[in-house]
């Protein structure tokens, strides 16, 4: 195989993106060449990257595994890629795989950087893998118990997945909360109860906040029961957030816990690593009803015009899937 070319999406400057061609060498020993079928946009994080709102203190921690360039740009960023192995490791050739790779139509990576999809998982749904990993980590940090009253504030992809996972625990009463009444249809598709913030039940044993809006966190704190755990899954980039840690926060002995997918909870690390967590995420995605979390699809060549819209989009957008020519 001779050196070929690939096309990738780059953020050139805050709010400006373009497709760029780059050379692509053939796979060496221990590598695979992957042809992308779909990629997914992780709206919360990628919107912050695209708009240049990653604070300098987080530039190193925020690096994606196969990122090129540096923040605020030019940078090639992303971590949701589903493709098929065209060459390289014989055992992987022809397999559908997931990889933490940016938006690019072809790429070469070490063979251990790809994870084969389990039987029964369509490649088009596998773009939810990174979101499912985040949700799994959030549930581990939240530590829900049998019979708990659980409130999940924010019916985006991660919040909905957290609620869906918690609802599988026997005896739990889970309510998914969002300011958008339209999210009731998503909750119904996932078999979850839904309510608007003003109608949400109080005295919850556990509150998980994933709306990305500080108002959601404030509402979650108000609806937590005494001694309850409140898990913050939103990341605000360079924004300051005002949280009511006065009033009754201390007398009610509330616990505010941060959750972030980049590090496994300490109590899991003796037995779990990121590969085992990813394998679990992909296995859980075999559930067909999770297709409800994909709210739209666009062609790869549309990405430079699409990203500004997605970065400013309303709460109606969930996971937006990018389709590559080779998926047809």
C-alpha atoms as a PDB file:
ATOM      1  CA  UNK A   1       0.000   0.000   0.000  1.00  0.00           C
ATOM      2  CA  UNK A   2       1.272   3.460  -0.875  1.00  0.00           C
ATOM      3  CA  UNK A   3       0.793   6.652   1.077  1.00  0.00           C
ATOM      4  CA  UNK A   4      -2.768   7.914   0.570  1.00  0.00           C
ATOM      5  CA  UNK A   5      -4.698  10.926   1.800  1.00  0.00           C
ATOM      6  CA  UNK A   6      -7.432  11.447   4.353  1.00  0.00           C
ATOM      7  CA  UNK A   7      -9.856  14.288   5.042  1.00  0.00           C
ATOM      8  CA  UNK A   8     -10.425  15.568   8.579  1.00  0.00           C
ATOM      9  CA  UNK A   9     -12.434  18.301  10.268  1.00  0.00           C
ATOM     10  CA  UNK A  10     -10.363  20.976  12.028  1.00  0.00           C
ATOM     11  CA  UNK A  11     -11.373  23.876  14.247  1.00  0.00           C
ATOM     12  CA  UNK A  12      -9.208  26.634  12.795  1.00  0.00           C
ATOM     13  CA  UNK A  13     -10.196  29.365  15.252  1.00  0.00           C
ATOM     14  CA  UNK A  14     -13.100  29.866  17.684  1.00  0.00           C
ATOM     15  CA  UNK A  15     -16.305  29.428  15.713  1.00  0.00           C
ATOM     16  CA  UNK A  16     -14.559  28.528  12.442  1.00  0.00           C
ATOM     17  CA  UNK A  17     -13.986  25.028  11.047  1.00  0.00           C
ATOM     18  CA  UNK A  18     -12.884  23.456   7.776  1.00  0.00           C
ATOM     19  CA  UNK A  19     -12.115  20.139   6.138  1.00  0.00           C
ATOM     20  CA  UNK A  20      -8.415  19.543   5.541  1.00  0.00           C
ATOM     21  CA  UNK A  21      -6.582  16.865   3.605  1.00  0.00           C
ATOM     22  CA  UNK A  22      -3.549  15.162   5.096  1.00  0.00           C
ATOM     23  CA  UNK A  23      -1.245  12.324   4.163  1.00  0.00           C
ATOM     24  CA  UNK A  24      -2.078   8.849   5.413  1.00  0.00           C
ATOM     25  CA  UNK A  25       0.661   6.215   5.599  1.00  0.00           C
ATOM     26  CA  UNK A  26      -0.184   2.504   5.310  1.00  0.00           C
ATOM     27  CA  UNK A  27      -0.468   0.543   8.567  1.00  0.00           C
ATOM     28  CA  UNK A  28       2.770  -0.838  10.017  1.00  0.00           C
ATOM     29  CA  UNK A  29       3.032  -3.957  12.150  1.00  0.00           C
ATOM     30  CA  UNK A  30       0.622  -3.715  15.055  1.00  0.00           C
ATOM     31  CA  UNK A  31      -1.539  -1.087  13.329  1.00  0.00           C
ATOM     32  CA  UNK A  32      -4.866  -1.040  11.504  1.00  0.00           C
ATOM     33  CA  UNK A  33      -6.295   1.164   8.761  1.00  0.00           C
ATOM     34  CA  UNK A  34      -9.882   2.177   9.496  1.00  0.00           C
ATOM     35  CA  UNK A  35     -12.480   3.529   7.088  1.00  0.00           C
ATOM     36  CA  UNK A  36     -14.971   5.687   8.992  1.00  0.00           C
ATOM     37  CA  UNK A  37     -18.682   4.929   8.694  1.00  0.00           C
ATOM     38  CA  UNK A  38     -20.039   7.302  11.343  1.00  0.00           C
ATOM     39  CA  UNK A  39     -18.760   9.775  13.884  1.00  0.00           C
ATOM     40  CA  UNK A  40     -20.704  11.493  16.615  1.00  0.00           C
ATOM     41  CA  UNK A  41     -20.570  14.995  18.034  1.00  0.00           C
ATOM     42  CA  UNK A  42     -20.374  15.213  21.801  1.00  0.00           C
ATOM     43  CA  UNK A  43     -22.222  18.522  21.860  1.00  0.00           C
ATOM     44  CA  UNK A  44     -21.311  19.789  25.303  1.00  0.00           C
ATOM     45  CA  UNK A  45     -17.569  19.274  25.083  1.00  0.00           C
ATOM     46  CA  UNK A  46     -17.152  19.821  21.355  1.00  0.00           C
ATOM     47  CA  UNK A  47     -19.168  23.047  21.467  1.00  0.00           C
ATOM     48  CA  UNK A  48     -16.755  24.384  24.085  1.00  0.00           C
ATOM     49  CA  UNK A  49     -13.794  23.344  21.930  1.00  0.00           C
ATOM     50  CA  UNK A  50     -15.299  24.813  18.762  1.00  0.00           C
ATOM     51  CA  UNK A  51     -16.099  28.143  20.424  1.00  0.00           C
ATOM     52  CA  UNK A  52     -12.680  28.414  22.086  1.00  0.00           C
ATOM     53  CA  UNK A  53     -13.984  28.147  25.645  1.00  0.00           C
ATOM     54  CA  UNK A  54     -11.566  25.552  27.008  1.00  0.00           C
ATOM     55  CA  UNK A  55      -9.627  27.392  29.746  1.00  0.00           C
ATOM     56  CA  UNK A  56      -5.814  27.260  29.452  1.00  0.00           C
ATOM     57  CA  UNK A  57      -5.604  25.401  32.765  1.00  0.00           C
ATOM     58  CA  UNK A  58      -7.406  22.454  31.112  1.00  0.00           C
ATOM     59  CA  UNK A  59      -5.628  22.358  27.743  1.00  0.00           C
ATOM     60  CA  UNK A  60      -3.535  19.343  28.677  1.00  0.00           C
ATOM     61  CA  UNK A  61      -6.230  17.423  30.562  1.00  0.00           C
ATOM     62  CA  UNK A  62      -8.706  18.031  27.731  1.00  0.00           C
ATOM     63  CA  UNK A  63      -6.530  16.507  25.022  1.00  0.00           C
ATOM     64  CA  UNK A  64      -8.314  13.763  23.094  1.00  0.00           C
ATOM     65  CA  UNK A  65      -6.343  10.530  22.478  1.00  0.00           C
ATOM     66  CA  UNK A  66      -5.626  11.280  18.791  1.00  0.00           C
ATOM     67  CA  UNK A  67      -5.926  15.055  18.857  1.00  0.00           C
ATOM     68  CA  UNK A  68      -3.684  17.087  16.574  1.00  0.00           C
ATOM     69  CA  UNK A  69      -2.937  20.751  17.143  1.00  0.00           C
ATOM     70  CA  UNK A  70      -3.552  22.673  20.340  1.00  0.00           C
ATOM     71  CA  UNK A  71      -6.328  24.721  21.903  1.00  0.00           C
ATOM     72  CA  UNK A  72      -7.840  27.081  21.000  1.00  0.00           C
ATOM     73  CA  UNK A  73      -6.843  26.137  17.426  1.00  0.00           C
ATOM     74  CA  UNK A  74      -6.108  25.014  14.876  1.00  0.00           C
ATOM     75  CA  UNK A  75      -7.049  21.707  16.453  1.00  0.00           C
ATOM     76  CA  UNK A  76      -8.399  18.377  15.217  1.00  0.00           C
ATOM     77  CA  UNK A  77     -10.629  17.203  18.042  1.00  0.00           C
ATOM     78  CA  UNK A  78     -13.184  14.454  18.660  1.00  0.00           C
ATOM     79  CA  UNK A  79     -13.514  11.021  20.218  1.00  0.00           C
ATOM     80  CA  UNK A  80     -16.526   9.263  18.717  1.00  0.00           C
ATOM     81  CA  UNK A  81     -15.637   7.273  15.613  1.00  0.00           C
ATOM     82  CA  UNK A  82     -17.148   4.052  14.252  1.00  0.00           C
ATOM     83  CA  UNK A  83     -15.636   2.388  11.206  1.00  0.00           C
ATOM     84  CA  UNK A  84     -14.539  -0.818   9.542  1.00  0.00           C
ATOM     85  CA  UNK A  85     -10.972  -2.127   9.494  1.00  0.00           C
ATOM     86  CA  UNK A  86      -9.687  -2.296   5.913  1.00  0.00           C
ATOM     87  CA  UNK A  87      -6.099  -3.431   6.491  1.00  0.00           C
ATOM     88  CA  UNK A  88      -3.613  -4.372   9.162  1.00  0.00           C
ATOM     89  CA  UNK A  89      -4.096  -6.911  11.963  1.00  0.00           C
ATOM     90  CA  UNK A  90      -5.635  -9.933  10.172  1.00  0.00           C
ATOM     91  CA  UNK A  91      -7.985 -10.785  13.043  1.00  0.00           C
ATOM     92  CA  UNK A  92      -9.528  -7.312  12.812  1.00  0.00           C
ATOM     93  CA  UNK A  93      -9.826  -6.864   9.032  1.00  0.00           C
ATOM     94  CA  UNK A  94     -13.484  -6.532   8.109  1.00  0.00           C
ATOM     95  CA  UNK A  95     -14.603  -5.914  11.712  1.00  0.00           C
ATOM     96  CA  UNK A  96     -16.708  -2.943  12.743  1.00  0.00           C
ATOM     97  CA  UNK A  97     -14.862  -1.051  15.473  1.00  0.00           C
ATOM     98  CA  UNK A  98     -15.162   1.917  17.808  1.00  0.00           C
ATOM     99  CA  UNK A  99     -12.216   4.277  18.274  1.00  0.00           C
ATOM    100  CA  UNK A 100     -11.623   7.500  20.222  1.00  0.00           C
ATOM    101  CA  UNK A 101     -10.687   9.300  17.003  1.00  0.00           C
ATOM    102  CA  UNK A 102     -11.669  12.742  15.623  1.00  0.00           C
ATOM    103  CA  UNK A 103     -13.898  13.384  12.614  1.00  0.00           C
ATOM    104  CA  UNK A 104     -11.838  11.934   9.734  1.00  0.00           C
ATOM    105  CA  UNK A 105     -12.781   9.672   6.851  1.00  0.00           C
ATOM    106  CA  UNK A 106      -9.768   7.297   7.081  1.00  0.00           C
ATOM    107  CA  UNK A 107      -7.061   6.830   9.691  1.00  0.00           C
ATOM    108  CA  UNK A 108      -4.341   4.506  10.953  1.00  0.00           C
ATOM    109  CA  UNK A 109      -3.978   3.685  14.657  1.00  0.00           C
ATOM    110  CA  UNK A 110      -2.430   0.958  16.829  1.00  0.00           C
ATOM    111  CA  UNK A 111      -4.605  -2.144  16.763  1.00  0.00           C
ATOM    112  CA  UNK A 112      -5.226  -1.936  20.512  1.00  0.00           C
ATOM    113  CA  UNK A 113      -6.796   1.524  20.040  1.00  0.00           C
ATOM    114  CA  UNK A 114      -9.892   0.029  18.384  1.00  0.00           C
ATOM    115  CA  UNK A 115     -12.612  -2.027  20.049  1.00  0.00           C
ATOM    116  CA  UNK A 116     -14.693  -4.436  17.947  1.00  0.00           C
ATOM    117  CA  UNK A 117     -18.436  -3.918  18.217  1.00  0.00           C
ATOM    118  CA  UNK A 118     -20.312  -6.755  19.911  1.00  0.00           C
ATOM    119  CA  UNK A 119     -22.785  -8.827  17.927  1.00  0.00           C
ATOM    120  CA  UNK A 120     -26.155  -7.129  17.765  1.00  0.00           C
ATOM    121  CA  UNK A 121     -24.875  -3.540  17.950  1.00  0.00           C
ATOM    122  CA  UNK A 122     -25.465  -1.617  14.701  1.00  0.00           C
ATOM    123  CA  UNK A 123     -22.548   0.700  13.806  1.00  0.00           C
ATOM    124  CA  UNK A 124     -24.967   3.628  13.482  1.00  0.00           C
ATOM    125  CA  UNK A 125     -25.949   3.308  17.174  1.00  0.00           C
ATOM    126  CA  UNK A 126     -22.378   2.786  18.388  1.00  0.00           C
ATOM    127  CA  UNK A 127     -21.760   6.549  18.131  1.00  0.00           C
ATOM    128  CA  UNK A 128     -23.372   6.708  21.590  1.00  0.00           C
ATOM    129  CA  UNK A 129     -20.461   4.782  23.141  1.00  0.00           C
ATOM    130  CA  UNK A 130     -18.624   7.772  24.636  1.00  0.00           C
ATOM    131  CA  UNK A 131     -21.863   9.116  26.118  1.00  0.00           C
ATOM    132  CA  UNK A 132     -22.641   5.705  27.609  1.00  0.00           C
ATOM    133  CA  UNK A 133     -19.149   5.554  29.150  1.00  0.00           C
ATOM    134  CA  UNK A 134     -19.775   8.962  30.737  1.00  0.00           C
ATOM    135  CA  UNK A 135     -23.136   7.798  32.056  1.00  0.00           C
ATOM    136  CA  UNK A 136     -21.639   4.608  33.505  1.00  0.00           C
ATOM    137  CA  UNK A 137     -18.970   6.622  35.296  1.00  0.00           C
ATOM    138  CA  UNK A 138     -21.635   8.990  36.599  1.00  0.00           C
ATOM    139  CA  UNK A 139     -23.718   6.138  37.976  1.00  0.00           C
ATOM    140  CA  UNK A 140     -20.627   4.676  39.657  1.00  0.00           C
ATOM    141  CA  UNK A 141     -19.942   8.056  41.275  1.00  0.00           C
ATOM    142  CA  UNK A 142     -23.598   8.434  42.276  1.00  0.00           C
ATOM    143  CA  UNK A 143     -23.803   4.936  43.814  1.00  0.00           C
ATOM    144  CA  UNK A 144     -27.602   4.545  43.627  1.00  0.00           C
ATOM    145  CA  UNK A 145     -29.180   1.892  45.825  1.00  0.00           C
ATOM    146  CA  UNK A 146     -32.195  -0.391  45.734  1.00  0.00           C
ATOM    147  CA  UNK A 147     -35.346   1.617  46.379  1.00  0.00           C
ATOM    148  CA  UNK A 148     -33.720   5.052  46.066  1.00  0.00           C
ATOM    149  CA  UNK A 149     -35.701   8.103  44.989  1.00  0.00           C
ATOM    150  CA  UNK A 150     -33.561   9.501  42.182  1.00  0.00           C
ATOM    151  CA  UNK A 151     -33.816  12.769  40.291  1.00  0.00           C
ATOM    152  CA  UNK A 152     -31.831  13.333  37.090  1.00  0.00           C
ATOM    153  CA  UNK A 153     -31.835  16.989  36.039  1.00  0.00           C
ATOM    154  CA  UNK A 154     -31.112  17.496  32.339  1.00  0.00           C
ATOM    155  CA  UNK A 155     -32.605  15.236  29.663  1.00  0.00           C
ATOM    156  CA  UNK A 156     -29.713  15.419  27.250  1.00  0.00           C
ATOM    157  CA  UNK A 157     -27.977  12.267  26.082  1.00  0.00           C
ATOM    158  CA  UNK A 158     -25.896  11.753  29.236  1.00  0.00           C
ATOM    159  CA  UNK A 159     -28.712  12.616  31.631  1.00  0.00           C
ATOM    160  CA  UNK A 160     -31.147  10.321  29.837  1.00  0.00           C
ATOM    161  CA  UNK A 161     -28.636   7.464  29.878  1.00  0.00           C
ATOM    162  CA  UNK A 162     -27.970   7.959  33.597  1.00  0.00           C
ATOM    163  CA  UNK A 163     -31.704   7.851  34.301  1.00  0.00           C
ATOM    164  CA  UNK A 164     -32.124   4.743  32.125  1.00  0.00           C
ATOM    165  CA  UNK A 165     -29.315   2.936  33.961  1.00  0.00           C
ATOM    166  CA  UNK A 166     -30.644   3.918  37.401  1.00  0.00           C
ATOM    167  CA  UNK A 167     -34.177   2.814  36.500  1.00  0.00           C
ATOM    168  CA  UNK A 168     -32.901  -0.735  36.004  1.00  0.00           C
ATOM    169  CA  UNK A 169     -32.115  -0.993  39.739  1.00  0.00           C
ATOM    170  CA  UNK A 170     -35.000  -2.722  41.548  1.00  0.00           C
ATOM    171  CA  UNK A 171     -37.339  -0.487  43.509  1.00  0.00           C
ATOM    172  CA  UNK A 172     -35.926   2.838  42.361  1.00  0.00           C
ATOM    173  CA  UNK A 173     -38.207   5.750  41.551  1.00  0.00           C
ATOM    174  CA  UNK A 174     -36.451   7.737  38.830  1.00  0.00           C
ATOM    175  CA  UNK A 175     -37.658  11.028  37.418  1.00  0.00           C
ATOM    176  CA  UNK A 176     -35.993  12.708  34.437  1.00  0.00           C
ATOM    177  CA  UNK A 177     -36.299  16.501  34.602  1.00  0.00           C
ATOM    178  CA  UNK A 178     -35.882  19.072  31.838  1.00  0.00           C
ATOM    179  CA  UNK A 179     -37.070  22.581  31.021  1.00  0.00           C
ATOM    180  CA  UNK A 180     -38.182  21.421  27.566  1.00  0.00           C
ATOM    181  CA  UNK A 181     -41.610  19.711  27.501  1.00  0.00           C
ATOM    182  CA  UNK A 182     -40.554  18.020  24.249  1.00  0.00           C
ATOM    183  CA  UNK A 183     -38.187  15.797  26.225  1.00  0.00           C
ATOM    184  CA  UNK A 184     -41.211  13.951  27.604  1.00  0.00           C
ATOM    185  CA  UNK A 185     -41.297  11.958  24.368  1.00  0.00           C
ATOM    186  CA  UNK A 186     -37.667  10.903  24.860  1.00  0.00           C
ATOM    187  CA  UNK A 187     -38.383   9.824  28.437  1.00  0.00           C
ATOM    188  CA  UNK A 188     -41.385   7.822  27.263  1.00  0.00           C
ATOM    189  CA  UNK A 189     -39.288   6.097  24.577  1.00  0.00           C
ATOM    190  CA  UNK A 190     -36.828   5.041  27.284  1.00  0.00           C
ATOM    191  CA  UNK A 191     -39.553   3.954  29.716  1.00  0.00           C
ATOM    192  CA  UNK A 192     -38.844   6.808  32.171  1.00  0.00           C
ATOM    193  CA  UNK A 193     -41.000   9.223  34.145  1.00  0.00           C
ATOM    194  CA  UNK A 194     -40.600  12.875  33.129  1.00  0.00           C
ATOM    195  CA  UNK A 195     -41.412  16.212  34.727  1.00  0.00           C
ATOM    196  CA  UNK A 196     -40.665  19.899  34.346  1.00  0.00           C
ATOM    197  CA  UNK A 197     -38.457  21.506  37.033  1.00  0.00           C
ATOM    198  CA  UNK A 198     -41.394  23.159  38.794  1.00  0.00           C
ATOM    199  CA  UNK A 199     -43.195  19.812  39.063  1.00  0.00           C
ATOM    200  CA  UNK A 200     -40.219  17.708  40.160  1.00  0.00           C
ATOM    201  CA  UNK A 201     -40.582  15.689  43.371  1.00  0.00           C
ATOM    202  CA  UNK A 202     -38.631  16.728  46.464  1.00  0.00           C
ATOM    203  CA  UNK A 203     -36.885  14.682  49.167  1.00  0.00           C
ATOM    204  CA  UNK A 204     -34.715  12.716  46.737  1.00  0.00           C
ATOM    205  CA  UNK A 205     -32.093  10.292  48.028  1.00  0.00           C
ATOM    206  CA  UNK A 206     -29.905  11.034  45.022  1.00  0.00           C
ATOM    207  CA  UNK A 207     -29.769  13.900  42.520  1.00  0.00           C
ATOM    208  CA  UNK A 208     -27.689  13.801  39.329  1.00  0.00           C
ATOM    209  CA  UNK A 209     -27.248  17.086  37.454  1.00  0.00           C
ATOM    210  CA  UNK A 210     -26.417  16.955  33.734  1.00  0.00           C
ATOM    211  CA  UNK A 211     -28.177  19.950  32.173  1.00  0.00           C
ATOM    212  CA  UNK A 212     -25.110  22.134  31.632  1.00  0.00           C
ATOM    213  CA  UNK A 213     -27.042  25.039  33.148  1.00  0.00           C
ATOM    214  CA  UNK A 214     -26.251  26.265  36.676  1.00  0.00           C
ATOM    215  CA  UNK A 215     -29.977  26.795  37.266  1.00  0.00           C
ATOM    216  CA  UNK A 216     -30.404  23.039  36.991  1.00  0.00           C
ATOM    217  CA  UNK A 217     -27.818  22.436  39.689  1.00  0.00           C
ATOM    218  CA  UNK A 218     -29.489  24.976  41.974  1.00  0.00           C
ATOM    219  CA  UNK A 219     -32.838  23.252  41.453  1.00  0.00           C
ATOM    220  CA  UNK A 220     -31.281  19.858  42.126  1.00  0.00           C
ATOM    221  CA  UNK A 221     -29.806  21.041  45.425  1.00  0.00           C
ATOM    222  CA  UNK A 222     -33.216  22.347  46.491  1.00  0.00           C
ATOM    223  CA  UNK A 223     -34.878  19.005  45.757  1.00  0.00           C
ATOM    224  CA  UNK A 224     -32.327  16.812  47.552  1.00  0.00           C
ATOM    225  CA  UNK A 225     -33.278  15.216  50.860  1.00  0.00           C
ATOM    226  CA  UNK A 226     -31.195  15.597  54.026  1.00  0.00           C
ATOM    227  CA  UNK A 227     -27.813  13.823  53.786  1.00  0.00           C
ATOM    228  CA  UNK A 228     -28.406  13.238  50.046  1.00  0.00           C
ATOM    229  CA  UNK A 229     -25.680  13.062  47.414  1.00  0.00           C
ATOM    230  CA  UNK A 230     -25.813  15.533  44.513  1.00  0.00           C
ATOM    231  CA  UNK A 231     -23.602  14.497  41.583  1.00  0.00           C
ATOM    232  CA  UNK A 232     -22.488  17.229  39.165  1.00  0.00           C
ATOM    233  CA  UNK A 233     -21.851  15.877  35.661  1.00  0.00           C
ATOM    234  CA  UNK A 234     -21.956  19.172  33.743  1.00  0.00           C
ATOM    235  CA  UNK A 235     -18.727  20.876  32.697  1.00  0.00           C
ATOM    236  CA  UNK A 236     -18.873  24.635  32.250  1.00  0.00           C
ATOM    237  CA  UNK A 237     -15.561  25.328  30.529  1.00  0.00           C
ATOM    238  CA  UNK A 238     -14.369  28.824  31.430  1.00  0.00           C
ATOM    239  CA  UNK A 239     -17.678  29.945  32.999  1.00  0.00           C
ATOM    240  CA  UNK A 240     -18.040  30.794  36.685  1.00  0.00           C
ATOM    241  CA  UNK A 241     -21.014  29.131  38.359  1.00  0.00           C
ATOM    242  CA  UNK A 242     -22.989  30.523  41.291  1.00  0.00           C
ATOM    243  CA  UNK A 243     -24.227  27.762  43.599  1.00  0.00           C
ATOM    244  CA  UNK A 244     -26.202  28.281  46.854  1.00  0.00           C
ATOM    245  CA  UNK A 245     -23.812  26.763  49.357  1.00  0.00           C
ATOM    246  CA  UNK A 246     -25.220  29.014  52.075  1.00  0.00           C
ATOM    247  CA  UNK A 247     -28.846  28.795  53.191  1.00  0.00           C
ATOM    248  CA  UNK A 248     -29.536  25.207  54.356  1.00  0.00           C
ATOM    249  CA  UNK A 249     -26.745  23.483  52.418  1.00  0.00           C
ATOM    250  CA  UNK A 250     -24.681  22.725  55.530  1.00  0.00           C
ATOM    251  CA  UNK A 251     -27.494  22.076  57.989  1.00  0.00           C
ATOM    252  CA  UNK A 252     -28.973  19.541  55.572  1.00  0.00           C
ATOM    253  CA  UNK A 253     -25.519  17.958  55.225  1.00  0.00           C
ATOM    254  CA  UNK A 254     -25.747  17.668  51.444  1.00  0.00           C
ATOM    255  CA  UNK A 255     -22.818  16.122  49.573  1.00  0.00           C
ATOM    256  CA  UNK A 256     -21.834  17.690  46.239  1.00  0.00           C
ATOM    257  CA  UNK A 257     -19.755  15.233  44.179  1.00  0.00           C
ATOM    258  CA  UNK A 258     -17.946  15.869  40.885  1.00  0.00           C
ATOM    259  CA  UNK A 259     -18.035  13.214  38.154  1.00  0.00           C
ATOM    260  CA  UNK A 260     -15.816  13.160  35.073  1.00  0.00           C
ATOM    261  CA  UNK A 261     -15.275  10.334  32.608  1.00  0.00           C
ATOM    262  CA  UNK A 262     -11.514  10.847  32.287  1.00  0.00           C
ATOM    263  CA  UNK A 263     -10.833   9.055  35.574  1.00  0.00           C
ATOM    264  CA  UNK A 264     -12.472   5.935  36.976  1.00  0.00           C
ATOM    265  CA  UNK A 265     -13.760   6.131  40.561  1.00  0.00           C
ATOM    266  CA  UNK A 266     -11.053   5.007  42.979  1.00  0.00           C
ATOM    267  CA  UNK A 267     -13.102   2.081  44.280  1.00  0.00           C
ATOM    268  CA  UNK A 268     -13.347   0.678  40.711  1.00  0.00           C
ATOM    269  CA  UNK A 269      -9.699   0.867  39.708  1.00  0.00           C
ATOM    270  CA  UNK A 270      -8.560  -2.411  41.334  1.00  0.00           C
ATOM    271  CA  UNK A 271     -10.866  -4.332  38.971  1.00  0.00           C
ATOM    272  CA  UNK A 272     -11.768  -1.996  36.103  1.00  0.00           C
ATOM    273  CA  UNK A 273      -9.898  -0.119  33.394  1.00  0.00           C
ATOM    274  CA  UNK A 274     -11.110   2.013  30.496  1.00  0.00           C
ATOM    275  CA  UNK A 275     -11.164  -0.944  28.087  1.00  0.00           C
ATOM    276  CA  UNK A 276     -13.470  -2.949  30.332  1.00  0.00           C
ATOM    277  CA  UNK A 277     -15.694   0.108  30.792  1.00  0.00           C
ATOM    278  CA  UNK A 278     -15.879   0.681  27.028  1.00  0.00           C
ATOM    279  CA  UNK A 279     -16.755  -2.981  26.452  1.00  0.00           C
ATOM    280  CA  UNK A 280     -19.609  -2.613  28.950  1.00  0.00           C
ATOM    281  CA  UNK A 281     -20.804   0.582  27.250  1.00  0.00           C
ATOM    282  CA  UNK A 282     -20.911  -1.087  23.838  1.00  0.00           C
ATOM    283  CA  UNK A 283     -22.722  -4.117  25.239  1.00  0.00           C
ATOM    284  CA  UNK A 284     -25.393  -1.929  26.856  1.00  0.00           C
ATOM    285  CA  UNK A 285     -25.942  -0.094  23.565  1.00  0.00           C
ATOM    286  CA  UNK A 286     -27.453  -3.213  22.012  1.00  0.00           C
ATOM    287  CA  UNK A 287     -30.799  -1.963  23.393  1.00  0.00           C
ATOM    288  CA  UNK A 288     -32.771  -0.717  20.317  1.00  0.00           C
ATOM    289  CA  UNK A 289     -34.760   1.913  22.231  1.00  0.00           C
ATOM    290  CA  UNK A 290     -31.543   3.933  22.660  1.00  0.00           C
ATOM    291  CA  UNK A 291     -31.881   5.002  19.017  1.00  0.00           C
ATOM    292  CA  UNK A 292     -34.193   7.696  20.428  1.00  0.00           C
ATOM    293  CA  UNK A 293     -31.066   9.536  21.634  1.00  0.00           C
ATOM    294  CA  UNK A 294     -29.923  10.251  18.059  1.00  0.00           C
ATOM    295  CA  UNK A 295     -31.811  13.340  16.973  1.00  0.00           C
ATOM    296  CA  UNK A 296     -30.268  13.980  13.562  1.00  0.00           C
ATOM    297  CA  UNK A 297     -27.732  13.004  10.939  1.00  0.00           C
ATOM    298  CA  UNK A 298     -25.656  14.965   8.437  1.00  0.00           C
ATOM    299  CA  UNK A 299     -23.088  14.163   5.781  1.00  0.00           C
ATOM    300  CA  UNK A 300     -19.402  14.593   6.622  1.00  0.00           C
ATOM    301  CA  UNK A 301     -18.900  17.299   3.993  1.00  0.00           C
ATOM    302  CA  UNK A 302     -21.518  19.443   5.763  1.00  0.00           C
ATOM    303  CA  UNK A 303     -19.582  19.547   9.050  1.00  0.00           C
ATOM    304  CA  UNK A 304     -17.945  23.010   8.590  1.00  0.00           C
ATOM    305  CA  UNK A 305     -21.379  24.596   8.158  1.00  0.00           C
ATOM    306  CA  UNK A 306     -23.032  22.337  10.727  1.00  0.00           C
ATOM    307  CA  UNK A 307     -20.741  22.937  13.716  1.00  0.00           C
ATOM    308  CA  UNK A 308     -21.642  26.619  14.262  1.00  0.00           C
ATOM    309  CA  UNK A 309     -25.316  25.650  14.302  1.00  0.00           C
ATOM    310  CA  UNK A 310     -24.760  22.744  16.699  1.00  0.00           C
ATOM    311  CA  UNK A 311     -22.655  24.904  19.027  1.00  0.00           C
ATOM    312  CA  UNK A 312     -25.546  27.378  19.302  1.00  0.00           C
ATOM    313  CA  UNK A 313     -28.390  24.865  18.959  1.00  0.00           C
ATOM    314  CA  UNK A 314     -31.307  24.716  21.323  1.00  0.00           C
ATOM    315  CA  UNK A 315     -31.974  21.863  23.692  1.00  0.00           C
ATOM    316  CA  UNK A 316     -33.798  20.008  20.924  1.00  0.00           C
ATOM    317  CA  UNK A 317     -30.487  18.513  19.708  1.00  0.00           C
ATOM    318  CA  UNK A 318     -29.360  15.252  21.313  1.00  0.00           C
ATOM    319  CA  UNK A 319     -26.654  13.174  19.615  1.00  0.00           C
ATOM    320  CA  UNK A 320     -26.020  14.383  16.069  1.00  0.00           C
ATOM    321  CA  UNK A 321     -24.534  11.649  13.899  1.00  0.00           C
ATOM    322  CA  UNK A 322     -22.131  12.303  11.029  1.00  0.00           C
ATOM    323  CA  UNK A 323     -22.441   9.983   8.046  1.00  0.00           C
ATOM    324  CA  UNK A 324     -19.440   9.266   5.792  1.00  0.00           C
ATOM    325  CA  UNK A 325     -19.624   8.291   2.113  1.00  0.00           C
ATOM    326  CA  UNK A 326     -18.388   4.766   2.883  1.00  0.00           C
ATOM    327  CA  UNK A 327     -21.447   4.111   5.064  1.00  0.00           C
ATOM    328  CA  UNK A 328     -23.778   4.125   2.043  1.00  0.00           C
END
